[in-house]
């Protein structure tokens, strides 16, 4: 993949990448770090993408795996160096932001795997696509979502 092709890929899928980052962090510096880590992993893996799945599915998978890995490192106490970006990713102007914030807070309490499933479901991916990205069957996606929804309902 050429540099120009990669720039186009990032521009076209930027919102998908940010969506994943937002689900794994509330800190805008950490979101920026996650975004950068995802870009690095996409660039490194671009030569190995075989086209066996949709490009969008591959991007979701790389983004989710990157964030889950970073989340595990953070829980183990590994230090990261913050980076800065000249963009405000948390500009809260919408009236519905309070409800979105509550939902986001509850989802953030889920484990990384369940968070990934919810995120993909919220993006209207089919159970088959979700299963393909996270590595489980569509039936298991359905069962997991029912359990996750029950968990979210019980949270205060």
N, C-alpha and C. Protein backbone atom coordinates (compact mmCIF):
# COMPACT_ATOMS: atom_id res chain seq x y z
N UNK A 1 0.86 -1.17 0.00
CA UNK A 1 0.00 0.00 0.00
C UNK A 1 0.90 1.23 0.00
N UNK A 2 0.60 2.14 -0.89
CA UNK A 2 1.39 3.37 -0.96
C UNK A 2 0.97 4.32 0.15
N UNK A 3 1.79 5.33 0.36
CA UNK A 3 1.48 6.32 1.39
C UNK A 3 0.18 7.05 1.06
N UNK A 4 -0.03 7.36 -0.19
CA UNK A 4 -1.25 8.06 -0.62
C UNK A 4 -2.49 7.19 -0.40
N UNK A 5 -2.37 5.90 -0.70
CA UNK A 5 -3.49 4.97 -0.47
C UNK A 5 -3.81 4.87 1.02
N UNK A 6 -2.75 4.87 1.83
CA UNK A 6 -2.94 4.80 3.27
C UNK A 6 -3.63 6.07 3.78
N UNK A 7 -3.22 7.22 3.28
CA UNK A 7 -3.87 8.47 3.68
C UNK A 7 -5.35 8.45 3.33
N UNK A 8 -5.69 7.93 2.17
CA UNK A 8 -7.10 7.81 1.76
C UNK A 8 -7.84 6.86 2.68
N UNK A 9 -7.23 5.73 3.00
CA UNK A 9 -7.85 4.76 3.91
C UNK A 9 -8.15 5.41 5.26
N UNK A 10 -7.19 6.15 5.79
CA UNK A 10 -7.37 6.80 7.09
C UNK A 10 -8.47 7.85 7.01
N UNK A 11 -8.46 8.64 5.96
CA UNK A 11 -9.48 9.67 5.80
C UNK A 11 -10.88 9.07 5.71
N UNK A 12 -11.03 7.99 4.98
CA UNK A 12 -12.33 7.35 4.79
C UNK A 12 -12.82 6.61 6.03
N UNK A 13 -11.91 6.12 6.86
CA UNK A 13 -12.29 5.30 8.02
C UNK A 13 -11.95 5.96 9.35
N UNK A 14 -11.66 7.24 9.33
CA UNK A 14 -11.29 7.98 10.54
C UNK A 14 -12.37 7.88 11.62
N UNK A 15 -13.64 8.01 11.23
CA UNK A 15 -14.70 8.00 12.24
C UNK A 15 -14.82 6.62 12.90
N UNK A 16 -14.61 5.56 12.15
CA UNK A 16 -14.63 4.21 12.72
C UNK A 16 -13.52 4.07 13.76
N UNK A 17 -12.35 4.54 13.41
CA UNK A 17 -11.20 4.42 14.32
C UNK A 17 -11.45 5.24 15.59
N UNK A 18 -11.94 6.48 15.43
CA UNK A 18 -12.23 7.30 16.60
C UNK A 18 -13.32 6.68 17.46
N UNK A 19 -14.31 6.09 16.84
CA UNK A 19 -15.40 5.45 17.60
C UNK A 19 -14.84 4.39 18.52
N UNK A 20 -13.95 3.57 18.01
CA UNK A 20 -13.33 2.53 18.83
C UNK A 20 -12.52 3.17 19.96
N UNK A 21 -11.76 4.19 19.64
CA UNK A 21 -10.94 4.87 20.66
C UNK A 21 -11.81 5.44 21.77
N UNK A 22 -12.93 6.08 21.41
CA UNK A 22 -13.82 6.67 22.40
C UNK A 22 -14.39 5.61 23.34
N UNK A 23 -14.60 4.41 22.86
CA UNK A 23 -15.17 3.35 23.70
C UNK A 23 -14.16 2.81 24.70
N UNK A 24 -12.91 3.09 24.48
CA UNK A 24 -11.89 2.55 25.38
C UNK A 24 -11.23 3.62 26.25
N UNK A 25 -11.64 4.88 26.10
CA UNK A 25 -11.04 5.91 26.93
C UNK A 25 -11.95 7.12 27.05
N UNK A 26 -11.83 7.80 28.18
CA UNK A 26 -12.54 9.05 28.38
C UNK A 26 -11.57 10.23 28.34
N UNK A 27 -10.30 9.95 28.28
CA UNK A 27 -9.27 10.98 28.27
C UNK A 27 -8.85 11.29 26.83
N UNK A 28 -8.96 12.57 26.44
CA UNK A 28 -8.70 12.89 25.04
C UNK A 28 -7.24 12.66 24.65
N UNK A 29 -6.30 12.79 25.57
CA UNK A 29 -4.91 12.48 25.25
C UNK A 29 -4.74 10.98 24.99
N UNK A 30 -5.42 10.18 25.80
CA UNK A 30 -5.35 8.73 25.61
C UNK A 30 -6.03 8.32 24.31
N UNK A 31 -7.13 8.98 23.96
CA UNK A 31 -7.79 8.71 22.68
C UNK A 31 -6.82 8.99 21.54
N UNK A 32 -6.12 10.09 21.63
CA UNK A 32 -5.14 10.43 20.59
C UNK A 32 -4.04 9.38 20.51
N UNK A 33 -3.59 8.90 21.66
CA UNK A 33 -2.57 7.85 21.68
C UNK A 33 -3.09 6.56 21.05
N UNK A 34 -4.32 6.20 21.39
CA UNK A 34 -4.94 5.00 20.82
C UNK A 34 -5.06 5.14 19.31
N UNK A 35 -5.51 6.30 18.86
CA UNK A 35 -5.67 6.56 17.43
C UNK A 35 -4.33 6.36 16.72
N UNK A 36 -3.29 6.93 17.29
CA UNK A 36 -1.97 6.80 16.68
C UNK A 36 -1.50 5.34 16.67
N UNK A 37 -1.72 4.62 17.76
CA UNK A 37 -1.32 3.21 17.82
C UNK A 37 -2.07 2.39 16.76
N UNK A 38 -3.33 2.70 16.56
CA UNK A 38 -4.12 2.00 15.54
C UNK A 38 -3.55 2.29 14.16
N UNK A 39 -3.24 3.56 13.89
CA UNK A 39 -2.66 3.90 12.59
C UNK A 39 -1.35 3.16 12.34
N UNK A 40 -0.53 3.07 13.36
CA UNK A 40 0.74 2.34 13.23
C UNK A 40 0.46 0.88 12.89
N UNK A 41 -0.48 0.27 13.61
CA UNK A 41 -0.79 -1.14 13.36
C UNK A 41 -1.43 -1.35 11.99
N UNK A 42 -2.25 -0.40 11.55
CA UNK A 42 -2.84 -0.50 10.21
C UNK A 42 -1.74 -0.41 9.15
N UNK A 43 -0.82 0.53 9.34
CA UNK A 43 0.27 0.69 8.38
C UNK A 43 1.14 -0.57 8.33
N UNK A 44 1.49 -1.07 9.51
CA UNK A 44 2.33 -2.29 9.56
C UNK A 44 1.61 -3.49 8.95
N UNK A 45 0.30 -3.57 9.16
CA UNK A 45 -0.44 -4.73 8.68
C UNK A 45 -0.99 -4.59 7.28
N UNK A 46 -0.84 -3.41 6.68
CA UNK A 46 -1.44 -3.19 5.36
C UNK A 46 -0.90 -4.14 4.29
N UNK A 47 0.32 -4.53 4.43
CA UNK A 47 0.90 -5.46 3.45
C UNK A 47 0.41 -6.88 3.61
N UNK A 48 -0.15 -7.20 4.77
CA UNK A 48 -0.61 -8.57 5.01
C UNK A 48 -2.12 -8.72 4.82
N UNK A 49 -2.83 -7.61 4.57
CA UNK A 49 -4.27 -7.71 4.34
C UNK A 49 -4.49 -8.44 3.03
N UNK A 50 -5.19 -9.59 3.12
CA UNK A 50 -5.36 -10.47 1.96
C UNK A 50 -6.69 -10.28 1.25
N UNK A 51 -7.56 -9.47 1.79
CA UNK A 51 -8.85 -9.23 1.15
C UNK A 51 -9.85 -10.35 1.35
N UNK A 52 -9.59 -11.25 2.30
CA UNK A 52 -10.52 -12.35 2.57
C UNK A 52 -11.78 -11.85 3.27
N UNK A 53 -11.68 -10.69 3.92
CA UNK A 53 -12.84 -10.06 4.53
C UNK A 53 -12.90 -8.63 3.99
N UNK A 54 -13.97 -7.94 4.31
CA UNK A 54 -14.10 -6.55 3.86
C UNK A 54 -13.04 -5.70 4.53
N UNK A 55 -12.59 -4.68 3.83
CA UNK A 55 -11.58 -3.77 4.38
C UNK A 55 -12.07 -3.16 5.69
N UNK A 56 -13.34 -2.78 5.74
CA UNK A 56 -13.90 -2.19 6.96
C UNK A 56 -13.83 -3.16 8.13
N UNK A 57 -14.09 -4.45 7.89
CA UNK A 57 -14.00 -5.45 8.95
C UNK A 57 -12.57 -5.57 9.46
N UNK A 58 -11.62 -5.53 8.56
CA UNK A 58 -10.21 -5.61 8.93
C UNK A 58 -9.82 -4.41 9.79
N UNK A 59 -10.28 -3.22 9.41
CA UNK A 59 -9.97 -2.01 10.18
C UNK A 59 -10.57 -2.11 11.57
N UNK A 60 -11.84 -2.57 11.66
CA UNK A 60 -12.47 -2.76 12.97
C UNK A 60 -11.63 -3.70 13.83
N UNK A 61 -11.21 -4.81 13.23
CA UNK A 61 -10.46 -5.82 13.98
C UNK A 61 -9.14 -5.26 14.50
N UNK A 62 -8.41 -4.57 13.63
CA UNK A 62 -7.13 -3.98 14.04
C UNK A 62 -7.35 -2.94 15.14
N UNK A 63 -8.36 -2.09 14.96
CA UNK A 63 -8.64 -1.05 15.95
C UNK A 63 -9.02 -1.65 17.30
N UNK A 64 -9.92 -2.62 17.29
CA UNK A 64 -10.35 -3.25 18.54
C UNK A 64 -9.20 -3.98 19.22
N UNK A 65 -8.44 -4.76 18.45
CA UNK A 65 -7.31 -5.49 19.04
C UNK A 65 -6.28 -4.54 19.62
N UNK A 66 -6.02 -3.42 18.95
CA UNK A 66 -5.07 -2.43 19.45
C UNK A 66 -5.56 -1.85 20.78
N UNK A 67 -6.83 -1.46 20.82
CA UNK A 67 -7.37 -0.86 22.04
C UNK A 67 -7.43 -1.86 23.19
N UNK A 68 -7.79 -3.09 22.89
CA UNK A 68 -7.83 -4.12 23.94
C UNK A 68 -6.43 -4.37 24.48
N UNK A 69 -5.45 -4.42 23.60
CA UNK A 69 -4.06 -4.62 24.03
C UNK A 69 -3.60 -3.45 24.91
N UNK A 70 -3.89 -2.23 24.49
CA UNK A 70 -3.51 -1.05 25.27
C UNK A 70 -4.22 -1.04 26.63
N UNK A 71 -5.49 -1.47 26.63
CA UNK A 71 -6.26 -1.54 27.87
C UNK A 71 -5.62 -2.52 28.85
N UNK A 72 -5.18 -3.66 28.33
CA UNK A 72 -4.51 -4.66 29.19
C UNK A 72 -3.20 -4.12 29.73
N UNK A 73 -2.43 -3.42 28.89
CA UNK A 73 -1.17 -2.83 29.34
C UNK A 73 -1.42 -1.80 30.43
N UNK A 74 -2.46 -1.01 30.25
CA UNK A 74 -2.79 0.02 31.24
C UNK A 74 -3.13 -0.62 32.58
N UNK A 75 -3.87 -1.72 32.54
CA UNK A 75 -4.26 -2.40 33.78
C UNK A 75 -3.06 -3.05 34.47
N UNK A 76 -2.02 -3.36 33.69
CA UNK A 76 -0.82 -3.93 34.28
C UNK A 76 0.12 -2.85 34.80
N UNK A 77 -0.27 -1.60 34.60
CA UNK A 77 0.52 -0.50 35.15
C UNK A 77 1.64 -0.01 34.26
N UNK A 78 1.64 -0.38 32.99
CA UNK A 78 2.68 0.11 32.09
C UNK A 78 2.42 1.58 31.79
N UNK A 79 3.46 2.38 31.84
CA UNK A 79 3.35 3.82 31.62
C UNK A 79 3.36 4.14 30.13
N UNK A 80 2.57 5.15 29.76
CA UNK A 80 2.59 5.65 28.39
C UNK A 80 2.92 7.12 28.42
N UNK A 81 3.45 7.62 27.32
CA UNK A 81 3.79 9.03 27.20
C UNK A 81 2.67 9.71 26.42
N UNK A 82 2.00 10.73 27.00
CA UNK A 82 0.89 11.38 26.31
C UNK A 82 1.36 12.17 25.10
N UNK A 83 0.54 12.16 24.05
CA UNK A 83 0.78 12.95 22.85
C UNK A 83 -0.33 13.97 22.75
N UNK A 84 -0.11 15.04 22.02
CA UNK A 84 -1.16 16.04 21.89
C UNK A 84 -1.58 16.17 20.43
N UNK A 85 -2.88 16.48 20.24
CA UNK A 85 -3.42 16.73 18.90
C UNK A 85 -4.16 18.05 18.96
N UNK A 86 -4.18 18.76 17.88
CA UNK A 86 -4.85 20.06 17.84
C UNK A 86 -6.31 19.91 17.40
N UNK A 87 -7.02 18.95 17.99
CA UNK A 87 -8.41 18.72 17.66
C UNK A 87 -9.14 18.36 18.95
N UNK A 88 -10.30 18.94 19.16
CA UNK A 88 -11.08 18.64 20.36
C UNK A 88 -12.06 17.53 20.02
N UNK A 89 -11.76 16.33 20.46
CA UNK A 89 -12.58 15.16 20.15
C UNK A 89 -13.78 15.05 21.06
N UNK A 90 -13.83 15.85 22.11
CA UNK A 90 -14.90 15.75 23.10
C UNK A 90 -15.72 17.04 23.15
N UNK A 91 -15.97 17.64 22.02
CA UNK A 91 -16.78 18.85 21.95
C UNK A 91 -18.23 18.48 22.22
N UNK A 92 -18.73 18.86 23.41
CA UNK A 92 -20.06 18.43 23.84
C UNK A 92 -21.08 19.54 23.64
N UNK A 93 -21.73 19.57 22.48
CA UNK A 93 -22.71 20.60 22.20
C UNK A 93 -24.12 20.05 22.08
N UNK A 94 -24.29 18.76 21.90
CA UNK A 94 -25.62 18.19 21.67
C UNK A 94 -26.40 18.08 22.98
N UNK A 95 -27.70 18.24 22.91
CA UNK A 95 -28.58 18.14 24.08
C UNK A 95 -28.59 16.72 24.64
N UNK A 96 -28.47 15.74 23.78
CA UNK A 96 -28.53 14.34 24.20
C UNK A 96 -27.23 13.84 24.81
N UNK A 97 -26.27 14.73 24.99
CA UNK A 97 -24.94 14.30 25.44
C UNK A 97 -24.98 13.66 26.82
N UNK A 98 -25.92 14.06 27.68
CA UNK A 98 -26.01 13.47 29.02
C UNK A 98 -26.37 12.00 28.93
N UNK A 99 -27.36 11.65 28.12
CA UNK A 99 -27.76 10.26 27.97
C UNK A 99 -26.66 9.44 27.31
N UNK A 100 -26.04 10.04 26.33
CA UNK A 100 -24.94 9.35 25.66
C UNK A 100 -23.81 9.10 26.66
N UNK A 101 -23.56 10.09 27.51
CA UNK A 101 -22.52 9.95 28.53
C UNK A 101 -22.83 8.84 29.51
N UNK A 102 -24.10 8.73 29.93
CA UNK A 102 -24.50 7.67 30.85
C UNK A 102 -24.32 6.29 30.21
N UNK A 103 -24.74 6.18 28.95
CA UNK A 103 -24.58 4.90 28.25
C UNK A 103 -23.10 4.57 28.09
N UNK A 104 -22.33 5.56 27.73
CA UNK A 104 -20.88 5.35 27.55
C UNK A 104 -20.23 4.92 28.87
N UNK A 105 -20.67 5.54 29.97
CA UNK A 105 -20.13 5.20 31.28
C UNK A 105 -20.44 3.74 31.62
N UNK A 106 -21.66 3.33 31.37
CA UNK A 106 -22.04 1.94 31.65
C UNK A 106 -21.27 0.98 30.76
N UNK A 107 -21.17 1.28 29.49
CA UNK A 107 -20.45 0.41 28.57
C UNK A 107 -18.98 0.30 28.97
N UNK A 108 -18.40 1.39 29.47
CA UNK A 108 -16.98 1.37 29.87
C UNK A 108 -16.73 0.44 31.05
N UNK A 109 -17.78 0.09 31.80
CA UNK A 109 -17.63 -0.84 32.92
C UNK A 109 -17.59 -2.29 32.47
N UNK A 110 -17.96 -2.54 31.22
CA UNK A 110 -17.91 -3.91 30.68
C UNK A 110 -16.46 -4.29 30.41
N UNK A 111 -16.22 -5.58 30.29
CA UNK A 111 -14.90 -6.04 29.91
C UNK A 111 -14.60 -5.66 28.46
N UNK A 112 -13.34 -5.67 28.07
CA UNK A 112 -12.96 -5.24 26.71
C UNK A 112 -13.66 -6.02 25.60
N UNK A 113 -13.82 -7.31 25.77
CA UNK A 113 -14.45 -8.14 24.74
C UNK A 113 -15.92 -7.76 24.58
N UNK A 114 -16.62 -7.61 25.71
CA UNK A 114 -18.04 -7.22 25.65
C UNK A 114 -18.19 -5.80 25.11
N UNK A 115 -17.26 -4.91 25.48
CA UNK A 115 -17.28 -3.54 24.95
C UNK A 115 -17.17 -3.55 23.43
N UNK A 116 -16.28 -4.40 22.93
CA UNK A 116 -16.09 -4.50 21.48
C UNK A 116 -17.37 -4.97 20.80
N UNK A 117 -18.01 -5.96 21.37
CA UNK A 117 -19.26 -6.49 20.79
C UNK A 117 -20.33 -5.40 20.77
N UNK A 118 -20.50 -4.69 21.88
CA UNK A 118 -21.50 -3.61 21.94
C UNK A 118 -21.19 -2.54 20.91
N UNK A 119 -19.94 -2.15 20.82
CA UNK A 119 -19.54 -1.11 19.88
C UNK A 119 -19.90 -1.51 18.45
N UNK A 120 -19.58 -2.72 18.08
CA UNK A 120 -19.88 -3.19 16.73
C UNK A 120 -21.38 -3.26 16.50
N UNK A 121 -22.13 -3.68 17.52
CA UNK A 121 -23.59 -3.74 17.42
C UNK A 121 -24.17 -2.34 17.26
N UNK A 122 -23.65 -1.38 18.02
CA UNK A 122 -24.11 0.01 17.91
C UNK A 122 -23.80 0.60 16.54
N UNK A 123 -22.82 0.06 15.88
CA UNK A 123 -22.48 0.52 14.52
C UNK A 123 -23.30 -0.21 13.46
N UNK A 124 -24.30 -0.97 13.90
CA UNK A 124 -25.23 -1.68 13.01
C UNK A 124 -24.58 -2.74 12.14
N UNK A 125 -23.52 -3.36 12.65
CA UNK A 125 -22.94 -4.47 11.93
C UNK A 125 -23.81 -5.70 12.20
N UNK A 126 -23.86 -6.60 11.24
CA UNK A 126 -24.65 -7.82 11.41
C UNK A 126 -23.95 -8.74 12.41
N UNK A 127 -24.71 -9.69 12.96
CA UNK A 127 -24.12 -10.64 13.89
C UNK A 127 -22.99 -11.42 13.21
N UNK A 128 -23.16 -11.69 11.93
CA UNK A 128 -22.13 -12.41 11.19
C UNK A 128 -20.85 -11.58 11.10
N UNK A 129 -20.99 -10.29 10.80
CA UNK A 129 -19.82 -9.41 10.72
C UNK A 129 -19.16 -9.25 12.08
N UNK A 130 -19.97 -9.09 13.12
CA UNK A 130 -19.42 -8.97 14.47
C UNK A 130 -18.65 -10.23 14.83
N UNK A 131 -19.26 -11.38 14.57
CA UNK A 131 -18.61 -12.65 14.86
C UNK A 131 -17.29 -12.81 14.13
N UNK A 132 -17.28 -12.37 12.87
CA UNK A 132 -16.07 -12.46 12.07
C UNK A 132 -14.96 -11.59 12.66
N UNK A 133 -15.32 -10.40 13.13
CA UNK A 133 -14.33 -9.47 13.66
C UNK A 133 -13.78 -9.94 15.01
N UNK A 134 -14.66 -10.42 15.90
CA UNK A 134 -14.20 -10.80 17.24
C UNK A 134 -13.86 -12.27 17.37
N UNK A 135 -14.19 -13.06 16.36
CA UNK A 135 -13.78 -14.47 16.36
C UNK A 135 -14.73 -15.42 17.05
N UNK A 136 -16.04 -15.13 17.02
CA UNK A 136 -17.03 -16.06 17.57
C UNK A 136 -18.14 -16.25 16.54
N UNK A 137 -19.01 -17.22 16.78
CA UNK A 137 -20.09 -17.48 15.84
C UNK A 137 -21.20 -16.43 15.97
N UNK A 138 -21.98 -16.25 14.92
CA UNK A 138 -23.12 -15.31 15.01
C UNK A 138 -24.08 -15.67 16.15
N UNK A 139 -24.28 -16.96 16.41
CA UNK A 139 -25.13 -17.39 17.52
C UNK A 139 -24.57 -16.94 18.86
N UNK A 140 -23.25 -17.05 19.01
CA UNK A 140 -22.62 -16.59 20.25
C UNK A 140 -22.72 -15.08 20.39
N UNK A 141 -22.67 -14.36 19.27
CA UNK A 141 -22.84 -12.90 19.31
C UNK A 141 -24.22 -12.59 19.89
N UNK A 142 -25.22 -13.28 19.41
CA UNK A 142 -26.59 -13.06 19.88
C UNK A 142 -26.71 -13.31 21.38
N UNK A 143 -26.18 -14.43 21.84
CA UNK A 143 -26.23 -14.78 23.26
C UNK A 143 -25.48 -13.73 24.09
N UNK A 144 -24.29 -13.36 23.63
CA UNK A 144 -23.49 -12.37 24.37
C UNK A 144 -24.23 -11.04 24.48
N UNK A 145 -24.87 -10.62 23.38
CA UNK A 145 -25.59 -9.34 23.41
C UNK A 145 -26.76 -9.36 24.39
N UNK A 146 -27.46 -10.48 24.47
CA UNK A 146 -28.56 -10.58 25.44
C UNK A 146 -28.00 -10.44 26.85
N UNK A 147 -26.92 -11.11 27.13
CA UNK A 147 -26.31 -11.04 28.47
C UNK A 147 -25.76 -9.64 28.76
N UNK A 148 -25.16 -9.04 27.76
CA UNK A 148 -24.61 -7.69 27.94
C UNK A 148 -25.73 -6.69 28.21
N UNK A 149 -26.81 -6.80 27.47
CA UNK A 149 -27.94 -5.89 27.67
C UNK A 149 -28.50 -6.03 29.09
N UNK A 150 -28.57 -7.24 29.58
CA UNK A 150 -29.03 -7.46 30.96
C UNK A 150 -28.08 -6.83 31.96
N UNK A 151 -26.78 -6.98 31.73
CA UNK A 151 -25.78 -6.35 32.59
C UNK A 151 -25.96 -4.84 32.61
N UNK A 152 -26.13 -4.25 31.44
CA UNK A 152 -26.28 -2.80 31.35
C UNK A 152 -27.53 -2.30 32.06
N UNK A 153 -28.62 -3.07 31.97
CA UNK A 153 -29.85 -2.70 32.65
C UNK A 153 -29.68 -2.69 34.16
N UNK A 154 -28.89 -3.60 34.68
CA UNK A 154 -28.69 -3.74 36.13
C UNK A 154 -27.73 -2.70 36.71
N UNK A 155 -26.95 -2.06 35.85
CA UNK A 155 -25.97 -1.08 36.33
C UNK A 155 -26.67 0.19 36.80
N UNK A 156 -26.12 0.79 37.83
CA UNK A 156 -26.66 2.04 38.38
C UNK A 156 -25.74 3.18 38.05
